[in-house]
């Protein structure tokens, strides 16, 4: 399981294979690679928000409903077949008139969250995005329900990432926010999830922070910032760590990941080896991945 990032000068990643801290530094000339070309990443579709289960053999992702635009997505899954990803299948709860996206499992695979504008209980028709949750029940899953408690708001709540203790970090647009969209966190309790807490500066700024992946230990995150002054353009991926009781200023992950197009949807595989993300560098949204040991360089 991905562990902790603690270095002052180098990014440190804890991997299962070593059971300890691995010091890594980027090398010149490495590139991100396309995932599942022709099966997962299709030339005539848009794919978004990749995620892997705890065993790393199931890939979840969202796909734009053809002919309906980027505001209409469904969630699919694919099983690893010896040396390739199998033909994707629709998640049983998805595929209706609502837009579902960004399914992300908890590190222990006991639950998943996803974002949807489907009607809330007692309501009719599609509405604003909320975070929904599904719990593992034997070999199957429970029916989707809005995340219980006080996490969801009247604004947009989406793109959740679940830590080891069940805390959910997510993107929300609220009146009290720092800008066009901020990152919040909400912890589980006896009556569901508690009131969301804004992470505040320097993570949240006047720019939009529309997505993130939180490490299971909550000691570092990869977040998305839109049109940052020092960015490459569109959405870029940034890195921040929780140090001495506060989040550090986000640092751009550089041109191996970020381009003048949009990059978002970060997710680390369970071993801490690969960073998966979405890029529009080829025109449509496709799933890419890049090795952590090559990506993580001195970030100052």
Protein backbone atom coordinates (compact mmCIF):
# COMPACT_ATOMS: atom_id res chain seq x y z
CA UNK A 1 0.00 0.00 0.00
CA UNK A 2 1.26 3.47 -0.74
CA UNK A 3 2.79 4.85 2.41
CA UNK A 4 4.32 8.16 3.30
CA UNK A 5 6.21 11.06 1.81
CA UNK A 6 8.57 12.67 4.32
CA UNK A 7 11.68 14.03 2.58
CA UNK A 8 12.54 17.71 2.65
CA UNK A 9 14.36 17.58 -0.70
CA UNK A 10 13.29 14.34 -2.39
CA UNK A 11 9.91 12.71 -2.64
CA UNK A 12 9.95 9.43 -0.73
CA UNK A 13 7.50 6.65 -1.59
CA UNK A 14 6.88 3.59 0.58
CA UNK A 15 6.17 0.47 -1.49
CA UNK A 16 4.96 -2.97 -0.46
CA UNK A 17 7.81 -4.74 -2.19
CA UNK A 18 10.46 -3.06 -0.03
CA UNK A 19 8.49 -2.55 3.15
CA UNK A 20 10.36 0.69 3.69
CA UNK A 21 11.31 4.03 2.25
CA UNK A 22 12.60 4.21 -1.31
CA UNK A 23 14.50 7.34 -2.35
CA UNK A 24 13.67 8.21 -5.94
CA UNK A 25 14.75 10.96 -8.27
CA UNK A 26 13.55 11.71 -11.78
CA UNK A 27 15.65 10.92 -14.83
CA UNK A 28 15.63 12.85 -18.09
CA UNK A 29 13.77 11.54 -21.10
CA UNK A 30 11.03 9.43 -19.50
CA UNK A 31 7.47 9.58 -20.79
CA UNK A 32 3.98 8.69 -19.69
CA UNK A 33 2.46 5.67 -21.44
CA UNK A 34 -1.05 5.12 -22.75
CA UNK A 35 -3.10 2.51 -20.86
CA UNK A 36 -5.06 -0.14 -22.76
CA UNK A 37 -4.94 1.48 -26.19
CA UNK A 38 -7.92 0.35 -28.27
CA UNK A 39 -9.59 -1.34 -25.28
CA UNK A 40 -9.56 1.14 -22.40
CA UNK A 41 -8.34 4.30 -24.10
CA UNK A 42 -10.30 4.68 -27.35
CA UNK A 43 -9.57 7.10 -30.16
CA UNK A 44 -13.19 8.17 -30.62
CA UNK A 45 -14.27 8.37 -26.97
CA UNK A 46 -13.25 10.33 -23.90
CA UNK A 47 -12.11 8.40 -20.82
CA UNK A 48 -11.75 9.97 -17.37
CA UNK A 49 -10.90 9.27 -13.71
CA UNK A 50 -8.99 5.95 -13.54
CA UNK A 51 -8.78 3.98 -10.28
CA UNK A 52 -7.57 0.53 -9.23
CA UNK A 53 -8.88 -1.86 -6.60
CA UNK A 54 -6.73 -2.94 -3.64
CA UNK A 55 -5.35 -5.94 -5.57
CA UNK A 56 -4.50 -3.85 -8.62
CA UNK A 57 -6.29 -6.22 -11.01
CA UNK A 58 -9.49 -4.24 -11.59
CA UNK A 59 -9.39 -0.87 -13.34
CA UNK A 60 -12.36 1.46 -12.91
CA UNK A 61 -12.82 4.46 -15.16
CA UNK A 62 -15.48 6.75 -16.60
CA UNK A 63 -16.34 7.10 -20.28
CA UNK A 64 -18.15 9.93 -21.99
CA UNK A 65 -21.51 8.86 -23.41
CA UNK A 66 -21.03 9.10 -27.14
CA UNK A 67 -22.96 11.96 -28.71
CA UNK A 68 -23.95 13.49 -25.36
CA UNK A 69 -20.89 15.51 -24.40
CA UNK A 70 -18.51 15.56 -21.44
CA UNK A 71 -21.29 16.29 -18.94
CA UNK A 72 -22.64 12.76 -19.48
CA UNK A 73 -20.40 9.91 -18.29
CA UNK A 74 -20.83 6.29 -17.19
CA UNK A 75 -18.57 4.14 -15.00
CA UNK A 76 -16.98 0.97 -16.37
CA UNK A 77 -14.58 -1.65 -15.06
CA UNK A 78 -12.00 -3.94 -16.64
CA UNK A 79 -10.26 -7.05 -15.27
CA UNK A 80 -6.57 -7.72 -15.88
CA UNK A 81 -6.16 -10.78 -18.14
CA UNK A 82 -2.59 -12.13 -17.77
CA UNK A 83 -0.96 -9.50 -20.03
CA UNK A 84 -3.71 -7.05 -20.96
CA UNK A 85 -6.86 -5.36 -19.74
CA UNK A 86 -10.08 -7.18 -20.60
CA UNK A 87 -13.07 -5.74 -22.43
CA UNK A 88 -14.67 -3.08 -20.18
CA UNK A 89 -18.11 -3.67 -18.70
CA UNK A 90 -20.59 -1.21 -17.28
CA UNK A 91 -20.89 -1.03 -13.50
CA UNK A 92 -24.36 -2.38 -12.66
CA UNK A 93 -25.56 0.85 -11.04
CA UNK A 94 -24.39 3.08 -13.90
CA UNK A 95 -25.60 3.57 -17.46
CA UNK A 96 -28.83 5.48 -16.85
CA UNK A 97 -29.76 9.05 -17.67
CA UNK A 98 -27.60 10.48 -14.88
CA UNK A 99 -23.91 11.22 -15.25
CA UNK A 100 -21.67 9.02 -13.05
CA UNK A 101 -17.92 9.46 -12.80
CA UNK A 102 -14.80 9.22 -10.63
CA UNK A 103 -15.35 5.92 -8.82
CA UNK A 104 -12.57 5.46 -6.28
CA UNK A 105 -12.15 2.54 -3.87
CA UNK A 106 -11.04 2.79 -0.26
CA UNK A 107 -7.53 1.36 0.29
CA UNK A 108 -9.03 -1.75 1.94
CA UNK A 109 -11.66 -2.17 -0.81
CA UNK A 110 -14.56 -2.18 1.71
CA UNK A 111 -16.28 0.72 -0.03
CA UNK A 112 -16.11 2.96 -3.07
CA UNK A 113 -17.23 6.52 -3.64
CA UNK A 114 -18.34 8.05 -6.92
CA UNK A 115 -19.72 11.35 -8.17
CA UNK A 116 -23.19 11.59 -9.69
CA UNK A 117 -25.91 14.06 -10.51
CA UNK A 118 -28.57 11.35 -10.11
CA UNK A 119 -31.64 12.35 -8.07
CA UNK A 120 -31.23 12.34 -4.31
CA UNK A 121 -33.72 10.18 -2.38
CA UNK A 122 -37.16 11.78 -2.64
CA UNK A 123 -36.16 14.05 -5.52
CA UNK A 124 -36.83 13.76 -9.24
CA UNK A 125 -34.61 14.37 -12.25
CA UNK A 126 -30.88 15.03 -12.39
CA UNK A 127 -29.48 17.80 -10.22
CA UNK A 128 -26.14 18.96 -8.85
CA UNK A 129 -23.27 16.52 -8.32
CA UNK A 130 -23.06 14.77 -4.95
CA UNK A 131 -20.77 12.12 -3.54
CA UNK A 132 -22.30 8.65 -3.36
CA UNK A 133 -21.05 5.53 -1.59
CA UNK A 134 -21.28 1.77 -2.12
CA UNK A 135 -20.25 -0.80 0.50
CA UNK A 136 -18.78 -4.23 -0.12
CA UNK A 137 -21.26 -7.04 0.63
CA UNK A 138 -19.64 -10.45 0.21
CA UNK A 139 -18.70 -10.81 -3.44
CA UNK A 140 -21.00 -7.98 -4.46
CA UNK A 141 -21.85 -4.41 -3.57
CA UNK A 142 -24.67 -2.59 -1.80
CA UNK A 143 -27.02 -0.24 -3.60
CA UNK A 144 -25.61 3.29 -4.05
CA UNK A 145 -26.60 5.91 -1.51
CA UNK A 146 -25.51 9.49 -0.88
CA UNK A 147 -22.59 9.60 1.54
CA UNK A 148 -24.41 9.58 4.92
CA UNK A 149 -24.06 12.49 7.31
CA UNK A 150 -23.10 16.08 6.62
CA UNK A 151 -20.53 15.72 3.84
CA UNK A 152 -22.69 16.73 0.87
CA UNK A 153 -23.90 20.32 0.52
CA UNK A 154 -26.26 22.34 -1.64
CA UNK A 155 -23.31 23.08 -3.92
CA UNK A 156 -21.27 20.73 -6.07
CA UNK A 157 -19.51 17.89 -4.20
CA UNK A 158 -17.45 15.51 -6.31
CA UNK A 159 -14.24 13.58 -6.99
CA UNK A 160 -13.73 11.97 -3.59
CA UNK A 161 -10.58 10.14 -2.48
CA UNK A 162 -10.67 7.82 0.53
CA UNK A 163 -7.89 7.53 3.12
CA UNK A 164 -7.06 4.43 5.18
CA UNK A 165 -9.21 5.54 8.13
CA UNK A 166 -12.21 6.27 5.90
CA UNK A 167 -11.71 10.05 5.74
CA UNK A 168 -12.90 11.39 2.38
CA UNK A 169 -11.10 14.27 0.66
CA UNK A 170 -13.09 15.85 -2.15
CA UNK A 171 -13.74 18.87 -4.36
CA UNK A 172 -16.60 21.23 -3.60
CA UNK A 173 -17.95 24.60 -4.72
CA UNK A 174 -19.33 26.42 -1.67
CA UNK A 175 -19.98 30.04 -0.80
CA UNK A 176 -17.32 30.05 1.92
CA UNK A 177 -14.60 28.66 -0.36
CA UNK A 178 -11.33 30.29 -1.36
CA UNK A 179 -12.17 30.45 -5.06
CA UNK A 180 -13.92 28.59 -7.87
CA UNK A 181 -13.68 25.20 -6.16
CA UNK A 182 -11.75 23.93 -3.14
CA UNK A 183 -10.57 20.69 -1.52
CA UNK A 184 -12.38 19.64 1.65
CA UNK A 185 -12.16 16.68 4.02
CA UNK A 186 -14.80 14.87 6.07
CA UNK A 187 -14.23 12.11 8.65
CA UNK A 188 -16.56 9.21 9.48
CA UNK A 189 -18.38 9.08 12.80
CA UNK A 190 -21.22 7.16 14.49
CA UNK A 191 -23.85 9.15 12.58
CA UNK A 192 -22.16 9.19 9.22
CA UNK A 193 -19.65 11.68 7.89
CA UNK A 194 -19.12 14.93 9.75
CA UNK A 195 -19.23 18.48 8.46
CA UNK A 196 -16.67 19.10 5.74
CA UNK A 197 -13.53 21.10 6.58
CA UNK A 198 -11.88 23.33 3.99
CA UNK A 199 -8.13 22.62 3.75
CA UNK A 200 -7.48 26.33 3.27
CA UNK A 201 -4.36 27.96 1.81
CA UNK A 202 -1.89 27.15 0.40
CA UNK A 203 -3.71 24.13 -1.08
CA UNK A 204 -6.86 26.11 -1.86
CA UNK A 205 -6.47 29.40 -3.71
CA UNK A 206 -8.41 31.70 -6.03
CA UNK A 207 -7.82 29.10 -8.77
CA UNK A 208 -9.98 25.99 -8.93
CA UNK A 209 -8.75 22.79 -7.23
CA UNK A 210 -11.19 20.36 -8.87
CA UNK A 211 -9.69 16.94 -8.06
CA UNK A 212 -7.14 15.06 -5.96
CA UNK A 213 -5.78 11.73 -4.77
CA UNK A 214 -4.91 11.43 -1.08
CA UNK A 215 -2.34 8.93 0.17
CA UNK A 216 -3.83 6.31 2.53
CA UNK A 217 -1.86 7.81 5.46
CA UNK A 218 -3.02 11.37 4.56
CA UNK A 219 0.60 12.51 4.55
CA UNK A 220 0.68 13.63 0.92
CA UNK A 221 -1.61 14.28 -2.00
CA UNK A 222 -1.58 14.79 -5.73
CA UNK A 223 -4.05 17.52 -6.60
CA UNK A 224 -5.34 19.24 -9.71
CA UNK A 225 -5.17 23.02 -10.15
CA UNK A 226 -6.79 24.80 -13.09
CA UNK A 227 -4.88 27.56 -14.91
CA UNK A 228 -2.26 28.03 -12.19
CA UNK A 229 0.09 30.95 -12.95
CA UNK A 230 3.12 28.62 -13.06
CA UNK A 231 1.25 25.79 -14.80
CA UNK A 232 1.57 24.40 -18.31
CA UNK A 233 -2.04 25.20 -19.22
CA UNK A 234 -5.52 23.86 -18.46
CA UNK A 235 -5.55 21.45 -15.52
CA UNK A 236 -2.16 20.41 -14.13
CA UNK A 237 -1.14 17.87 -11.49
CA UNK A 238 0.60 19.17 -8.37
CA UNK A 239 2.13 17.63 -5.25
CA UNK A 240 1.69 18.67 -1.61
CA UNK A 241 2.68 16.98 1.65
CA UNK A 242 1.42 17.35 5.21
CA UNK A 243 4.43 18.57 7.17
CA UNK A 244 4.63 19.98 10.70
CA UNK A 245 0.86 20.19 10.96
CA UNK A 246 0.21 21.98 7.66
CA UNK A 247 0.05 21.33 3.93
CA UNK A 248 2.97 22.57 1.87
CA UNK A 249 2.52 24.83 -1.15
CA UNK A 250 1.63 22.66 -4.17
CA UNK A 251 4.47 21.96 -6.60
CA UNK A 252 3.98 21.22 -10.27
CA UNK A 253 4.83 17.65 -11.34
CA UNK A 254 6.50 18.87 -14.51
CA UNK A 255 6.30 18.31 -18.28
CA UNK A 256 6.47 14.50 -18.20
CA UNK A 257 2.91 14.64 -16.84
CA UNK A 258 1.60 18.13 -17.54
CA UNK A 259 1.08 19.61 -21.02
CA UNK A 260 -0.71 22.70 -22.40
CA UNK A 261 -3.81 20.45 -22.50
CA UNK A 262 -5.79 19.13 -19.51
CA UNK A 263 -4.34 16.61 -17.03
CA UNK A 264 -6.44 15.42 -14.07
CA UNK A 265 -7.85 12.30 -12.41
CA UNK A 266 -4.74 11.24 -10.42
CA UNK A 267 -4.66 7.80 -8.78
CA UNK A 268 -1.70 5.82 -7.41
CA UNK A 269 -1.69 2.05 -7.84
CA UNK A 270 -1.68 -0.03 -4.60
CA UNK A 271 2.08 -0.71 -4.70
CA UNK A 272 3.04 2.93 -5.17
CA UNK A 273 4.70 2.12 -8.50
CA UNK A 274 2.45 3.88 -11.01
CA UNK A 275 0.65 7.19 -11.12
CA UNK A 276 -2.45 6.93 -13.33
CA UNK A 277 -4.03 10.08 -14.73
CA UNK A 278 -6.05 11.53 -17.58
CA UNK A 279 -4.52 13.63 -20.35
CA UNK A 280 -6.04 15.37 -23.36
CA UNK A 281 -2.68 15.58 -25.13
CA UNK A 282 -3.97 13.39 -27.98
CA UNK A 283 -7.19 15.39 -28.44
CA UNK A 284 -9.59 13.26 -26.38
CA UNK A 285 -9.27 12.28 -22.74
CA UNK A 286 -7.19 9.09 -22.40
CA UNK A 287 -5.74 7.16 -19.48
CA UNK A 288 -1.98 7.38 -19.00
CA UNK A 289 0.42 6.16 -16.37
CA UNK A 290 3.98 6.98 -15.39
CA UNK A 291 6.41 5.30 -13.01
CA UNK A 292 6.69 7.02 -9.64
CA UNK A 293 10.43 6.41 -9.32
CA UNK A 294 11.05 8.21 -12.58
CA UNK A 295 8.52 10.97 -12.03
CA UNK A 296 9.40 12.04 -8.51
CA UNK A 297 12.30 14.44 -8.60
CA UNK A 298 13.59 17.27 -6.45
CA UNK A 299 10.64 19.55 -5.80
CA UNK A 300 11.76 22.87 -4.40
